[in-house]
Protein backbone atom coordinates (compact mmCIF):
# COMPACT_ATOMS: atom_id res chain seq x y z
CA UNK A 1 -12.45 44.15 64.69
CA UNK A 2 -10.66 47.49 64.66
CA UNK A 3 -9.22 49.20 61.62
CA UNK A 4 -5.41 49.33 61.65
CA UNK A 5 -3.94 52.81 62.05
CA UNK A 6 -0.30 52.12 61.27
CA UNK A 7 1.56 50.12 58.64
CA UNK A 8 2.78 47.61 61.24
CA UNK A 9 -0.77 46.92 62.44
CA UNK A 10 -2.03 46.61 58.87
CA UNK A 11 0.77 44.23 57.83
CA UNK A 12 -1.09 41.42 59.56
CA UNK A 13 -3.92 41.89 57.03
CA UNK A 14 -1.93 41.31 53.82
CA UNK A 15 -3.41 38.94 51.27
CA UNK A 16 -1.80 35.83 49.74
CA UNK A 17 -0.67 37.62 46.55
CA UNK A 18 2.11 39.35 48.47
CA UNK A 19 0.54 42.78 47.93
CA UNK A 20 -0.70 44.68 50.98
CA UNK A 21 -4.46 44.64 51.59
CA UNK A 22 -4.36 48.29 52.71
CA UNK A 23 -3.27 51.67 51.44
CA UNK A 24 -1.14 54.08 53.39
CA UNK A 25 -0.79 57.84 53.09
CA UNK A 26 2.27 58.70 51.00
CA UNK A 27 2.46 62.38 52.03
CA UNK A 28 6.08 63.33 52.74
CA UNK A 29 6.51 65.34 55.93
CA UNK A 30 9.81 67.13 55.42
CA UNK A 31 9.95 68.45 59.00
CA UNK A 32 9.84 64.91 60.41
CA UNK A 33 11.75 63.37 57.50
CA UNK A 34 9.25 60.57 56.90
CA UNK A 35 6.02 59.60 55.17
CA UNK A 36 2.69 59.93 57.02
CA UNK A 37 1.82 56.18 56.64
CA UNK A 38 -1.69 56.60 58.09
CA UNK A 39 -4.04 53.87 56.81
CA UNK A 40 -7.45 55.07 58.08
CA UNK A 41 -9.63 56.70 55.41
CA UNK A 42 -6.93 56.67 52.72
CA UNK A 43 -8.14 57.48 49.19
CA UNK A 44 -6.37 57.56 45.86
CA UNK A 45 -5.57 60.94 44.27
CA UNK A 46 -3.45 61.97 41.28
CA UNK A 47 -0.66 62.84 43.73
CA UNK A 48 -0.89 59.38 45.34
CA UNK A 49 -2.68 57.76 48.26
CA UNK A 50 -3.66 60.34 50.91
CA UNK A 51 -5.31 60.24 54.34
CA UNK A 52 -8.05 62.81 55.12
CA UNK A 53 -5.47 65.14 56.71
CA UNK A 54 -3.29 65.27 53.59
CA UNK A 55 -5.77 65.44 50.70
CA UNK A 56 -5.03 68.18 48.15
CA UNK A 57 -7.94 70.31 49.44
CA UNK A 58 -6.99 69.78 53.10
CA UNK A 59 -3.42 70.93 52.44
CA UNK A 60 -4.79 74.11 50.84
CA UNK A 61 -7.23 74.74 53.69
CA UNK A 62 -10.32 74.13 51.56
CA UNK A 63 -13.27 71.86 52.38
CA UNK A 64 -13.56 68.49 50.67
CA UNK A 65 -15.81 68.23 47.63
CA UNK A 66 -19.03 66.38 48.55
CA UNK A 67 -19.66 63.15 46.65
CA UNK A 68 -21.77 63.63 43.54
CA UNK A 69 -24.83 61.76 42.33
CA UNK A 70 -22.73 59.14 40.53
CA UNK A 71 -22.12 58.28 36.90
CA UNK A 72 -23.64 60.94 34.57
CA UNK A 73 -26.81 59.82 32.75
CA UNK A 74 -25.43 60.75 29.32
CA UNK A 75 -22.59 58.24 29.91
CA UNK A 76 -24.90 55.24 30.38
CA UNK A 77 -24.23 52.25 28.14
CA UNK A 78 -26.65 52.02 25.22
């Protein structure tokens, strides 16, 4: 099974709750006058859902922050 790359392809994978089962990039491309709508590798950021091309660091020309070790030890439940 391939991962959908556009909203139309992903629409077939919606769940029964009526909400889409995918996220799409919500980066506005003013030159093209439309949203990106890429669904591959989309992650949630403060600015909204973004594909790897439109993450805050990618737009500023910086490398992505590598994933950390996880939940800090001092935050473990007692």
